[in-house]
C-alpha atoms as a PDB file:
ATOM      1  CA  UNK A   1     -59.724 -38.451  52.186  1.00  0.00           C
ATOM      2  CA  UNK A   2     -59.121 -39.780  55.385  1.00  0.00           C
ATOM      3  CA  UNK A   3     -56.564 -42.122  54.346  1.00  0.00           C
ATOM      4  CA  UNK A   4     -54.419 -39.187  52.967  1.00  0.00           C
ATOM      5  CA  UNK A   5     -54.854 -37.629  56.311  1.00  0.00           C
ATOM      6  CA  UNK A   6     -53.757 -40.464  58.105  1.00  0.00           C
ATOM      7  CA  UNK A   7     -50.655 -40.729  55.589  1.00  0.00           C
ATOM      8  CA  UNK A   8     -49.646 -37.429  56.318  1.00  0.00           C
ATOM      9  CA  UNK A   9     -49.880 -38.105  60.226  1.00  0.00           C
ATOM     10  CA  UNK A  10     -47.379 -40.522  59.902  1.00  0.00           C
ATOM     11  CA  UNK A  11     -45.030 -39.114  57.371  1.00  0.00           C
ATOM     12  CA  UNK A  12     -44.619 -35.656  58.731  1.00  0.00           C
ATOM     13  CA  UNK A  13     -43.069 -36.423  61.920  1.00  0.00           C
ATOM     14  CA  UNK A  14     -41.109 -38.949  60.412  1.00  0.00           C
ATOM     15  CA  UNK A  15     -39.902 -36.272  58.096  1.00  0.00           C
ATOM     16  CA  UNK A  16     -39.077 -33.783  60.783  1.00  0.00           C
ATOM     17  CA  UNK A  17     -37.281 -36.222  62.604  1.00  0.00           C
ATOM     18  CA  UNK A  18     -35.155 -36.899  59.567  1.00  0.00           C
ATOM     19  CA  UNK A  19     -33.941 -33.506  59.045  1.00  0.00           C
ATOM     20  CA  UNK A  20     -30.237 -33.247  58.872  1.00  0.00           C
ATOM     21  CA  UNK A  21     -27.535 -30.893  58.988  1.00  0.00           C
ATOM     22  CA  UNK A  22     -24.646 -31.232  56.524  1.00  0.00           C
ATOM     23  CA  UNK A  23     -21.283 -31.349  58.302  1.00  0.00           C
ATOM     24  CA  UNK A  24     -18.417 -31.220  55.536  1.00  0.00           C
ATOM     25  CA  UNK A  25     -15.591 -30.860  57.643  1.00  0.00           C
ATOM     26  CA  UNK A  26     -14.347 -34.239  59.032  1.00  0.00           C
ATOM     27  CA  UNK A  27     -12.445 -32.865  62.069  1.00  0.00           C
ATOM     28  CA  UNK A  28     -15.796 -30.684  63.051  1.00  0.00           C
ATOM     29  CA  UNK A  29     -17.769 -33.952  62.987  1.00  0.00           C
ATOM     30  CA  UNK A  30     -15.423 -35.968  64.376  1.00  0.00           C
ATOM     31  CA  UNK A  31     -15.783 -33.520  67.550  1.00  0.00           C
ATOM     32  CA  UNK A  32     -19.223 -33.783  67.600  1.00  0.00           C
ATOM     33  CA  UNK A  33     -19.056 -37.583  67.762  1.00  0.00           C
ATOM     34  CA  UNK A  34     -16.430 -37.659  70.241  1.00  0.00           C
ATOM     35  CA  UNK A  35     -18.508 -35.527  72.732  1.00  0.00           C
ATOM     36  CA  UNK A  36     -21.777 -37.382  72.266  1.00  0.00           C
ATOM     37  CA  UNK A  37     -23.434 -34.656  70.024  1.00  0.00           C
ATOM     38  CA  UNK A  38     -23.813 -36.943  66.814  1.00  0.00           C
ATOM     39  CA  UNK A  39     -26.450 -39.576  67.870  1.00  0.00           C
ATOM     40  CA  UNK A  40     -25.482 -41.950  65.237  1.00  0.00           C
ATOM     41  CA  UNK A  41     -22.026 -42.061  66.136  1.00  0.00           C
ATOM     42  CA  UNK A  42     -20.904 -42.134  62.470  1.00  0.00           C
ATOM     43  CA  UNK A  43     -18.172 -39.701  60.502  1.00  0.00           C
ATOM     44  CA  UNK A  44     -20.995 -39.451  57.417  1.00  0.00           C
ATOM     45  CA  UNK A  45     -20.828 -35.823  56.714  1.00  0.00           C
ATOM     46  CA  UNK A  46     -24.169 -35.024  58.623  1.00  0.00           C
ATOM     47  CA  UNK A  47     -25.717 -34.892  61.914  1.00  0.00           C
ATOM     48  CA  UNK A  48     -29.466 -34.712  62.814  1.00  0.00           C
ATOM     49  CA  UNK A  49     -30.620 -31.119  63.371  1.00  0.00           C
ATOM     50  CA  UNK A  50     -32.243 -32.027  66.531  1.00  0.00           C
ATOM     51  CA  UNK A  51     -28.685 -33.031  67.798  1.00  0.00           C
ATOM     52  CA  UNK A  52     -27.402 -29.855  66.608  1.00  0.00           C
ATOM     53  CA  UNK A  53     -29.897 -27.945  68.999  1.00  0.00           C
ATOM     54  CA  UNK A  54     -28.785 -29.539  72.161  1.00  0.00           C
ATOM     55  CA  UNK A  55     -25.395 -27.866  71.650  1.00  0.00           C
ATOM     56  CA  UNK A  56     -24.264 -24.894  73.474  1.00  0.00           C
ATOM     57  CA  UNK A  57     -20.587 -24.995  73.094  1.00  0.00           C
ATOM     58  CA  UNK A  58     -18.113 -25.789  70.262  1.00  0.00           C
ATOM     59  CA  UNK A  59     -14.748 -25.349  71.962  1.00  0.00           C
ATOM     60  CA  UNK A  60     -12.122 -26.860  69.412  1.00  0.00           C
ATOM     61  CA  UNK A  61      -9.256 -25.122  71.300  1.00  0.00           C
ATOM     62  CA  UNK A  62      -9.148 -26.763  74.413  1.00  0.00           C
ATOM     63  CA  UNK A  63     -11.497 -29.748  73.760  1.00  0.00           C
ATOM     64  CA  UNK A  64     -10.743 -31.193  70.421  1.00  0.00           C
ATOM     65  CA  UNK A  65     -10.427 -34.958  70.801  1.00  0.00           C
ATOM     66  CA  UNK A  66      -7.324 -35.033  68.749  1.00  0.00           C
ATOM     67  CA  UNK A  67      -5.600 -31.856  69.751  1.00  0.00           C
ATOM     68  CA  UNK A  68      -6.291 -30.280  66.468  1.00  0.00           C
ATOM     69  CA  UNK A  69      -8.380 -27.341  66.879  1.00  0.00           C
ATOM     70  CA  UNK A  70      -8.308 -26.359  63.108  1.00  0.00           C
ATOM     71  CA  UNK A  71     -12.030 -26.477  61.289  1.00  0.00           C
ATOM     72  CA  UNK A  72     -11.286 -25.272  57.552  1.00  0.00           C
ATOM     73  CA  UNK A  73     -15.004 -25.631  57.036  1.00  0.00           C
ATOM     74  CA  UNK A  74     -17.752 -24.118  59.328  1.00  0.00           C
ATOM     75  CA  UNK A  75     -20.653 -25.022  56.906  1.00  0.00           C
ATOM     76  CA  UNK A  76     -23.487 -26.611  59.295  1.00  0.00           C
ATOM     77  CA  UNK A  77     -22.637 -24.663  62.303  1.00  0.00           C
ATOM     78  CA  UNK A  78     -25.589 -22.432  61.616  1.00  0.00           C
ATOM     79  CA  UNK A  79     -27.916 -24.843  62.465  1.00  0.00           C
ATOM     80  CA  UNK A  80     -26.484 -24.786  66.290  1.00  0.00           C
ATOM     81  CA  UNK A  81     -28.912 -22.039  67.172  1.00  0.00           C
ATOM     82  CA  UNK A  82     -28.531 -22.653  71.052  1.00  0.00           C
ATOM     83  CA  UNK A  83     -24.558 -22.099  70.713  1.00  0.00           C
ATOM     84  CA  UNK A  84     -23.316 -19.951  73.520  1.00  0.00           C
ATOM     85  CA  UNK A  85     -19.445 -20.595  72.956  1.00  0.00           C
ATOM     86  CA  UNK A  86     -17.407 -20.812  69.890  1.00  0.00           C
ATOM     87  CA  UNK A  87     -13.666 -21.522  70.176  1.00  0.00           C
ATOM     88  CA  UNK A  88     -11.889 -22.245  66.972  1.00  0.00           C
ATOM     89  CA  UNK A  89      -8.916 -21.737  64.638  1.00  0.00           C
ATOM     90  CA  UNK A  90     -10.253 -21.463  61.029  1.00  0.00           C
ATOM     91  CA  UNK A  91      -8.876 -19.609  57.810  1.00  0.00           C
ATOM     92  CA  UNK A  92     -12.247 -18.462  56.320  1.00  0.00           C
ATOM     93  CA  UNK A  93     -12.355 -14.742  54.702  1.00  0.00           C
ATOM     94  CA  UNK A  94     -15.778 -14.311  55.975  1.00  0.00           C
ATOM     95  CA  UNK A  95     -17.811 -16.147  58.387  1.00  0.00           C
ATOM     96  CA  UNK A  96     -21.866 -15.967  58.441  1.00  0.00           C
ATOM     97  CA  UNK A  97     -23.205 -15.722  61.958  1.00  0.00           C
ATOM     98  CA  UNK A  98     -26.846 -15.820  60.959  1.00  0.00           C
ATOM     99  CA  UNK A  99     -29.285 -17.967  63.313  1.00  0.00           C
ATOM    100  CA  UNK A 100     -26.703 -17.552  66.341  1.00  0.00           C
ATOM    101  CA  UNK A 101     -28.532 -15.274  68.331  1.00  0.00           C
ATOM    102  CA  UNK A 102     -27.619 -17.216  71.408  1.00  0.00           C
ATOM    103  CA  UNK A 103     -24.033 -16.717  70.988  1.00  0.00           C
ATOM    104  CA  UNK A 104     -22.011 -15.082  73.802  1.00  0.00           C
ATOM    105  CA  UNK A 105     -18.401 -15.847  73.340  1.00  0.00           C
ATOM    106  CA  UNK A 106     -16.180 -16.329  70.234  1.00  0.00           C
ATOM    107  CA  UNK A 107     -12.691 -16.779  70.236  1.00  0.00           C
ATOM    108  CA  UNK A 108     -11.572 -17.085  66.544  1.00  0.00           C
ATOM    109  CA  UNK A 109      -7.881 -17.552  65.472  1.00  0.00           C
ATOM    110  CA  UNK A 110      -8.094 -16.598  61.679  1.00  0.00           C
ATOM    111  CA  UNK A 111      -5.488 -14.716  59.961  1.00  0.00           C
ATOM    112  CA  UNK A 112      -7.333 -14.481  56.686  1.00  0.00           C
ATOM    113  CA  UNK A 113     -10.506 -12.726  57.986  1.00  0.00           C
ATOM    114  CA  UNK A 114     -11.426  -9.803  55.698  1.00  0.00           C
ATOM    115  CA  UNK A 115     -14.855  -9.023  57.592  1.00  0.00           C
ATOM    116  CA  UNK A 116     -16.664  -9.653  60.575  1.00  0.00           C
ATOM    117  CA  UNK A 117     -20.276  -9.082  60.856  1.00  0.00           C
ATOM    118  CA  UNK A 118     -21.541  -8.972  64.440  1.00  0.00           C
ATOM    119  CA  UNK A 119     -25.314  -7.766  63.612  1.00  0.00           C
ATOM    120  CA  UNK A 120     -26.872 -11.142  63.883  1.00  0.00           C
ATOM    121  CA  UNK A 121     -25.328 -11.612  67.334  1.00  0.00           C
ATOM    122  CA  UNK A 122     -27.619 -10.128  69.622  1.00  0.00           C
ATOM    123  CA  UNK A 123     -26.410 -12.015  72.789  1.00  0.00           C
ATOM    124  CA  UNK A 124     -22.447 -11.524  72.236  1.00  0.00           C
ATOM    125  CA  UNK A 125     -20.895 -10.259  74.903  1.00  0.00           C
ATOM    126  CA  UNK A 126     -17.095 -11.357  74.562  1.00  0.00           C
ATOM    127  CA  UNK A 127     -15.185 -11.420  71.204  1.00  0.00           C
ATOM    128  CA  UNK A 128     -11.458 -12.491  70.834  1.00  0.00           C
ATOM    129  CA  UNK A 129      -9.998 -12.087  67.167  1.00  0.00           C
ATOM    130  CA  UNK A 130      -6.571 -13.763  67.455  1.00  0.00           C
ATOM    131  CA  UNK A 131      -3.926 -14.306  64.656  1.00  0.00           C
ATOM    132  CA  UNK A 132      -1.302 -16.735  65.847  1.00  0.00           C
ATOM    133  CA  UNK A 133       1.204 -16.333  62.320  1.00  0.00           C
ATOM    134  CA  UNK A 134       3.638 -13.526  62.465  1.00  0.00           C
ATOM    135  CA  UNK A 135       4.140 -13.932  58.755  1.00  0.00           C
ATOM    136  CA  UNK A 136       0.829 -12.414  57.296  1.00  0.00           C
ATOM    137  CA  UNK A 137       0.049  -8.972  56.456  1.00  0.00           C
ATOM    138  CA  UNK A 138      -2.839  -7.123  58.794  1.00  0.00           C
ATOM    139  CA  UNK A 139      -6.277  -8.186  58.366  1.00  0.00           C
ATOM    140  CA  UNK A 140      -8.247  -5.789  56.290  1.00  0.00           C
ATOM    141  CA  UNK A 141     -11.160  -5.539  58.895  1.00  0.00           C
ATOM    142  CA  UNK A 142     -12.181  -1.828  58.819  1.00  0.00           C
ATOM    143  CA  UNK A 143     -15.410  -1.802  61.026  1.00  0.00           C
ATOM    144  CA  UNK A 144     -16.801  -3.978  64.006  1.00  0.00           C
ATOM    145  CA  UNK A 145     -20.522  -3.168  64.458  1.00  0.00           C
ATOM    146  CA  UNK A 146     -21.601  -4.446  68.172  1.00  0.00           C
ATOM    147  CA  UNK A 147     -24.563  -1.898  68.044  1.00  0.00           C
ATOM    148  CA  UNK A 148     -26.896  -5.057  68.088  1.00  0.00           C
ATOM    149  CA  UNK A 149     -25.350  -6.601  71.075  1.00  0.00           C
ATOM    150  CA  UNK A 150     -26.318  -4.624  73.921  1.00  0.00           C
ATOM    151  CA  UNK A 151     -24.309  -6.584  76.596  1.00  0.00           C
ATOM    152  CA  UNK A 152     -20.981  -6.562  74.546  1.00  0.00           C
ATOM    153  CA  UNK A 153     -18.337  -5.882  77.093  1.00  0.00           C
ATOM    154  CA  UNK A 154     -14.866  -7.388  75.741  1.00  0.00           C
ATOM    155  CA  UNK A 155     -13.220  -6.778  72.717  1.00  0.00           C
ATOM    156  CA  UNK A 156      -9.504  -8.406  72.038  1.00  0.00           C
ATOM    157  CA  UNK A 157      -8.018  -7.976  68.516  1.00  0.00           C
ATOM    158  CA  UNK A 158      -4.591  -8.479  66.848  1.00  0.00           C
ATOM    159  CA  UNK A 159      -3.030  -6.725  64.278  1.00  0.00           C
ATOM    160  CA  UNK A 160      -6.143  -4.584  62.880  1.00  0.00           C
ATOM    161  CA  UNK A 161      -4.436  -1.954  61.425  1.00  0.00           C
ATOM    162  CA  UNK A 162      -7.160  -1.076  59.213  1.00  0.00           C
ATOM    163  CA  UNK A 163      -9.735  -0.687  61.964  1.00  0.00           C
ATOM    164  CA  UNK A 164     -11.741   2.467  61.445  1.00  0.00           C
ATOM    165  CA  UNK A 165     -14.942   2.146  63.226  1.00  0.00           C
ATOM    166  CA  UNK A 166     -16.210   0.171  66.211  1.00  0.00           C
ATOM    167  CA  UNK A 167     -19.854   0.792  67.138  1.00  0.00           C
ATOM    168  CA  UNK A 168     -20.841   0.493  70.654  1.00  0.00           C
ATOM    169  CA  UNK A 169     -24.502   1.982  70.438  1.00  0.00           C
ATOM    170  CA  UNK A 170     -27.319   0.935  72.446  1.00  0.00           C
ATOM    171  CA  UNK A 171     -24.421  -0.655  74.977  1.00  0.00           C
ATOM    172  CA  UNK A 172     -25.989  -1.569  78.472  1.00  0.00           C
ATOM    173  CA  UNK A 173     -23.124  -3.236  80.009  1.00  0.00           C
ATOM    174  CA  UNK A 174     -21.569  -2.165  83.452  1.00  0.00           C
ATOM    175  CA  UNK A 175     -18.084  -1.890  81.983  1.00  0.00           C
ATOM    176  CA  UNK A 176     -16.205  -2.372  78.393  1.00  0.00           C
ATOM    177  CA  UNK A 177     -12.659  -3.308  77.694  1.00  0.00           C
ATOM    178  CA  UNK A 178     -11.210  -3.038  74.568  1.00  0.00           C
ATOM    179  CA  UNK A 179      -7.912  -4.294  73.831  1.00  0.00           C
ATOM    180  CA  UNK A 180      -6.177  -3.466  70.243  1.00  0.00           C
ATOM    181  CA  UNK A 181      -2.781  -5.472  70.304  1.00  0.00           C
ATOM    182  CA  UNK A 182      -0.622  -4.052  67.419  1.00  0.00           C
ATOM    183  CA  UNK A 183      -3.049  -0.855  67.038  1.00  0.00           C
ATOM    184  CA  UNK A 184      -5.709   0.001  64.792  1.00  0.00           C
ATOM    185  CA  UNK A 185      -6.217   3.064  62.304  1.00  0.00           C
ATOM    186  CA  UNK A 186      -4.689   6.391  63.687  1.00  0.00           C
ATOM    187  CA  UNK A 187      -8.255   7.933  63.319  1.00  0.00           C
ATOM    188  CA  UNK A 188     -10.012   5.076  64.837  1.00  0.00           C
ATOM    189  CA  UNK A 189     -13.642   6.192  65.487  1.00  0.00           C
ATOM    190  CA  UNK A 190     -15.684   4.495  68.381  1.00  0.00           C
ATOM    191  CA  UNK A 191     -19.421   5.211  67.871  1.00  0.00           C
ATOM    192  CA  UNK A 192     -21.447   5.644  71.317  1.00  0.00           C
ATOM    193  CA  UNK A 193     -24.719   7.235  72.288  1.00  0.00           C
ATOM    194  CA  UNK A 194     -23.312  10.043  73.864  1.00  0.00           C
ATOM    195  CA  UNK A 195     -19.968  11.050  72.751  1.00  0.00           C
ATOM    196  CA  UNK A 196     -19.386  13.986  75.067  1.00  0.00           C
ATOM    197  CA  UNK A 197     -19.911  12.190  78.225  1.00  0.00           C
ATOM    198  CA  UNK A 198     -17.590   9.474  76.876  1.00  0.00           C
ATOM    199  CA  UNK A 199     -14.885  11.940  76.012  1.00  0.00           C
ATOM    200  CA  UNK A 200     -15.081  13.504  79.253  1.00  0.00           C
ATOM    201  CA  UNK A 201     -15.149   9.817  81.083  1.00  0.00           C
ATOM    202  CA  UNK A 202     -18.342  10.379  82.678  1.00  0.00           C
ATOM    203  CA  UNK A 203     -20.685   7.447  83.753  1.00  0.00           C
ATOM    204  CA  UNK A 204     -21.452   5.066  82.266  1.00  0.00           C
ATOM    205  CA  UNK A 205     -18.069   5.469  80.222  1.00  0.00           C
ATOM    206  CA  UNK A 206     -15.882   5.814  83.140  1.00  0.00           C
ATOM    207  CA  UNK A 207     -16.036   2.041  83.415  1.00  0.00           C
ATOM    208  CA  UNK A 208     -14.576   1.473  79.823  1.00  0.00           C
ATOM    209  CA  UNK A 209     -11.226   0.694  78.992  1.00  0.00           C
ATOM    210  CA  UNK A 210      -9.289   1.345  75.872  1.00  0.00           C
ATOM    211  CA  UNK A 211      -5.738  -0.153  75.539  1.00  0.00           C
ATOM    212  CA  UNK A 212      -3.404  -1.446  73.160  1.00  0.00           C
ATOM    213  CA  UNK A 213      -1.885  -4.362  75.310  1.00  0.00           C
ATOM    214  CA  UNK A 214      -4.688  -4.385  78.319  1.00  0.00           C
ATOM    215  CA  UNK A 215      -2.338  -1.979  80.378  1.00  0.00           C
ATOM    216  CA  UNK A 216      -1.125   0.942  78.582  1.00  0.00           C
ATOM    217  CA  UNK A 217      -3.893   3.384  77.256  1.00  0.00           C
ATOM    218  CA  UNK A 218      -4.951   3.379  73.673  1.00  0.00           C
ATOM    219  CA  UNK A 219      -5.186   7.161  72.649  1.00  0.00           C
ATOM    220  CA  UNK A 220      -5.379   7.233  68.712  1.00  0.00           C
ATOM    221  CA  UNK A 221      -9.090   7.097  68.741  1.00  0.00           C
ATOM    222  CA  UNK A 222     -12.126   9.480  69.095  1.00  0.00           C
ATOM    223  CA  UNK A 223     -15.701   9.187  70.161  1.00  0.00           C
ATOM    224  CA  UNK A 224     -18.623  10.039  68.005  1.00  0.00           C
ATOM    225  CA  UNK A 225     -22.287   9.320  67.544  1.00  0.00           C
ATOM    226  CA  UNK A 226     -21.845   8.672  63.868  1.00  0.00           C
ATOM    227  CA  UNK A 227     -18.881   7.216  62.394  1.00  0.00           C
ATOM    228  CA  UNK A 228     -18.216   7.245  58.674  1.00  0.00           C
ATOM    229  CA  UNK A 229     -15.678   4.848  57.081  1.00  0.00           C
ATOM    230  CA  UNK A 230     -12.976   6.907  54.952  1.00  0.00           C
ATOM    231  CA  UNK A 231     -13.644   5.399  51.474  1.00  0.00           C
ATOM    232  CA  UNK A 232     -11.115   7.688  49.776  1.00  0.00           C
ATOM    233  CA  UNK A 233      -8.567   6.293  52.086  1.00  0.00           C
ATOM    234  CA  UNK A 234      -9.890   3.010  51.413  1.00  0.00           C
ATOM    235  CA  UNK A 235      -9.345   3.360  47.788  1.00  0.00           C
ATOM    236  CA  UNK A 236      -6.047   4.801  48.044  1.00  0.00           C
ATOM    237  CA  UNK A 237      -4.811   1.966  50.387  1.00  0.00           C
ATOM    238  CA  UNK A 238      -6.183  -0.922  48.454  1.00  0.00           C
ATOM    239  CA  UNK A 239      -5.320   0.030  44.844  1.00  0.00           C
ATOM    240  CA  UNK A 240      -1.800   0.251  43.182  1.00  0.00           C
ATOM    241  CA  UNK A 241       0.005  -0.247  39.836  1.00  0.00           C
ATOM    242  CA  UNK A 242       2.690  -1.935  39.188  1.00  0.00           C
ATOM    243  CA  UNK A 243       5.187  -2.433  37.736  1.00  0.00           C
ATOM    244  CA  UNK A 244       6.868   0.793  38.080  1.00  0.00           C
ATOM    245  CA  UNK A 245       8.874   1.911  35.908  1.00  0.00           C
ATOM    246  CA  UNK A 246       6.913   0.054  33.402  1.00  0.00           C
ATOM    247  CA  UNK A 247       7.901  -0.698  29.690  1.00  0.00           C
ATOM    248  CA  UNK A 248       5.301  -3.106  28.215  1.00  0.00           C
ATOM    249  CA  UNK A 249       2.246  -3.789  30.472  1.00  0.00           C
ATOM    250  CA  UNK A 250       1.008  -2.246  34.013  1.00  0.00           C
ATOM    251  CA  UNK A 251      -1.636  -3.785  36.158  1.00  0.00           C
ATOM    252  CA  UNK A 252      -3.869  -2.549  38.514  1.00  0.00           C
ATOM    253  CA  UNK A 253      -3.661  -4.691  41.613  1.00  0.00           C
ATOM    254  CA  UNK A 254      -6.831  -4.586  44.078  1.00  0.00           C
ATOM    255  CA  UNK A 255      -5.893  -6.128  47.475  1.00  0.00           C
ATOM    256  CA  UNK A 256      -9.846  -6.438  48.526  1.00  0.00           C
ATOM    257  CA  UNK A 257     -13.097  -5.886  46.706  1.00  0.00           C
ATOM    258  CA  UNK A 258     -15.217  -5.190  49.889  1.00  0.00           C
ATOM    259  CA  UNK A 259     -18.110  -3.896  47.577  1.00  0.00           C
ATOM    260  CA  UNK A 260     -15.780  -1.324  45.408  1.00  0.00           C
ATOM    261  CA  UNK A 261     -15.902  -1.802  41.952  1.00  0.00           C
ATOM    262  CA  UNK A 262     -13.021  -0.671  39.493  1.00  0.00           C
ATOM    263  CA  UNK A 263     -14.635   1.264  36.500  1.00  0.00           C
ATOM    264  CA  UNK A 264     -12.046   2.725  34.383  1.00  0.00           C
ATOM    265  CA  UNK A 265      -8.249   3.913  34.295  1.00  0.00           C
ATOM    266  CA  UNK A 266      -7.357   7.117  32.894  1.00  0.00           C
ATOM    267  CA  UNK A 267      -3.982   7.717  31.518  1.00  0.00           C
ATOM    268  CA  UNK A 268      -2.684  11.390  31.268  1.00  0.00           C
ATOM    269  CA  UNK A 269       0.412  12.721  30.098  1.00  0.00           C
ATOM    270  CA  UNK A 270       2.626  15.004  32.574  1.00  0.00           C
ATOM    271  CA  UNK A 271       0.747  17.914  30.963  1.00  0.00           C
ATOM    272  CA  UNK A 272      -2.590  16.389  32.289  1.00  0.00           C
ATOM    273  CA  UNK A 273      -4.053  15.926  28.612  1.00  0.00           C
ATOM    274  CA  UNK A 274      -5.688  12.414  28.422  1.00  0.00           C
ATOM    275  CA  UNK A 275      -3.745   9.909  26.469  1.00  0.00           C
ATOM    276  CA  UNK A 276      -5.963   6.780  26.729  1.00  0.00           C
ATOM    277  CA  UNK A 277      -9.251   5.665  28.649  1.00  0.00           C
ATOM    278  CA  UNK A 278      -9.021   2.056  29.889  1.00  0.00           C
ATOM    279  CA  UNK A 279     -12.323   0.287  30.712  1.00  0.00           C
ATOM    280  CA  UNK A 280     -11.239  -3.428  30.461  1.00  0.00           C
ATOM    281  CA  UNK A 281      -8.378  -5.719  31.047  1.00  0.00           C
ATOM    282  CA  UNK A 282      -7.236  -3.644  34.173  1.00  0.00           C
ATOM    283  CA  UNK A 283      -4.722  -6.571  35.057  1.00  0.00           C
ATOM    284  CA  UNK A 284      -2.865  -6.083  31.572  1.00  0.00           C
ATOM    285  CA  UNK A 285      -2.861  -2.362  30.314  1.00  0.00           C
ATOM    286  CA  UNK A 286      -0.459  -2.102  27.290  1.00  0.00           C
ATOM    287  CA  UNK A 287       1.883   0.902  27.387  1.00  0.00           C
ATOM    288  CA  UNK A 288       4.517  -0.164  25.156  1.00  0.00           C
ATOM    289  CA  UNK A 289       3.233   2.312  22.524  1.00  0.00           C
ATOM    290  CA  UNK A 290       3.202   5.701  24.897  1.00  0.00           C
ATOM    291  CA  UNK A 291       6.447   7.560  24.522  1.00  0.00           C
ATOM    292  CA  UNK A 292       8.842   7.325  27.312  1.00  0.00           C
ATOM    293  CA  UNK A 293       8.194   9.709  30.066  1.00  0.00           C
ATOM    294  CA  UNK A 294       6.157  10.525  33.506  1.00  0.00           C
ATOM    295  CA  UNK A 295       2.468   9.523  33.282  1.00  0.00           C
ATOM    296  CA  UNK A 296      -0.567  10.056  35.675  1.00  0.00           C
ATOM    297  CA  UNK A 297      -2.919   7.148  36.176  1.00  0.00           C
ATOM    298  CA  UNK A 298      -6.152   7.830  37.746  1.00  0.00           C
ATOM    299  CA  UNK A 299      -7.809   4.852  38.922  1.00  0.00           C
ATOM    300  CA  UNK A 300     -11.567   5.386  39.059  1.00  0.00           C
ATOM    301  CA  UNK A 301     -13.648   3.095  41.174  1.00  0.00           C
ATOM    302  CA  UNK A 302     -17.332   3.665  42.363  1.00  0.00           C
ATOM    303  CA  UNK A 303     -16.116   4.853  45.911  1.00  0.00           C
ATOM    304  CA  UNK A 304     -13.494   7.232  44.867  1.00  0.00           C
ATOM    305  CA  UNK A 305     -10.418   7.952  42.710  1.00  0.00           C
ATOM    306  CA  UNK A 306      -6.748   7.534  43.056  1.00  0.00           C
ATOM    307  CA  UNK A 307      -3.971   8.909  40.977  1.00  0.00           C
ATOM    308  CA  UNK A 308      -0.493   7.300  40.637  1.00  0.00           C
ATOM    309  CA  UNK A 309       2.727   8.861  38.459  1.00  0.00           C
ATOM    310  CA  UNK A 310       3.943   5.750  36.443  1.00  0.00           C
ATOM    311  CA  UNK A 311       7.379   6.344  34.779  1.00  0.00           C
ATOM    312  CA  UNK A 312       7.290   4.506  31.067  1.00  0.00           C
ATOM    313  CA  UNK A 313      10.791   3.416  29.844  1.00  0.00           C
END
């Protein structure tokens, strides 16, 4: 027994010391090596987890050693639990910020992001969501929830025309600035603790600024203590049937899943009579055996329905 205990006393500290964090992105690790964060000094796909804990800033925009601020794979950065500043160009559709409760400032240039979960970011104060490319459609981020970030004070986003909800409940910042370059949903709801005072520009909301360019007021929003996303609107905007007119086949296009599941497509004739119910193979629905004319295609999802008129030739 004594020998076993002695062995454990020797091996356990070694095991703890040997804990590593995998860094698959070479540009990511090159940054860490260049700035002395990776103590082994090697580009070998890993860093000691103890090294990661010493890092408080990852600035690939201004401090990239090879002037290449793009990091395609952020795997591993959740072990940088003392991180306070993140500035990076990335093309992930979703980024996991778990374990990063000390993160205060984020500059993210990403044109492919479909969601942004800020709930783990209890210390977050500033968020800039940039999209430097002019050749991409607006990102389909529908909500930003900062209710777990009481000191959040600055939001600057570009081309989020699908944005319907910003939650700033529990906010304790002395002032708040929201800049919506390119606009947001015409019915943008900003969730606050006291919507009446916010609407009447009473303290502390008199120190809030909501603009579309940093200068001119943004007016297409309202305050509420409970914002709800429009699921019907989401279904209408994200599902369509093509081609139209059709001759042989049609397909249901779903722009983003976002937890919405396509269940069936009901085909009705012009009088409203059910012709066929389709429950599979939505990307190849045979219409060649339908008589020529106008049909109603009802797209049924678990969040709502959408009806489209399709001409069969």
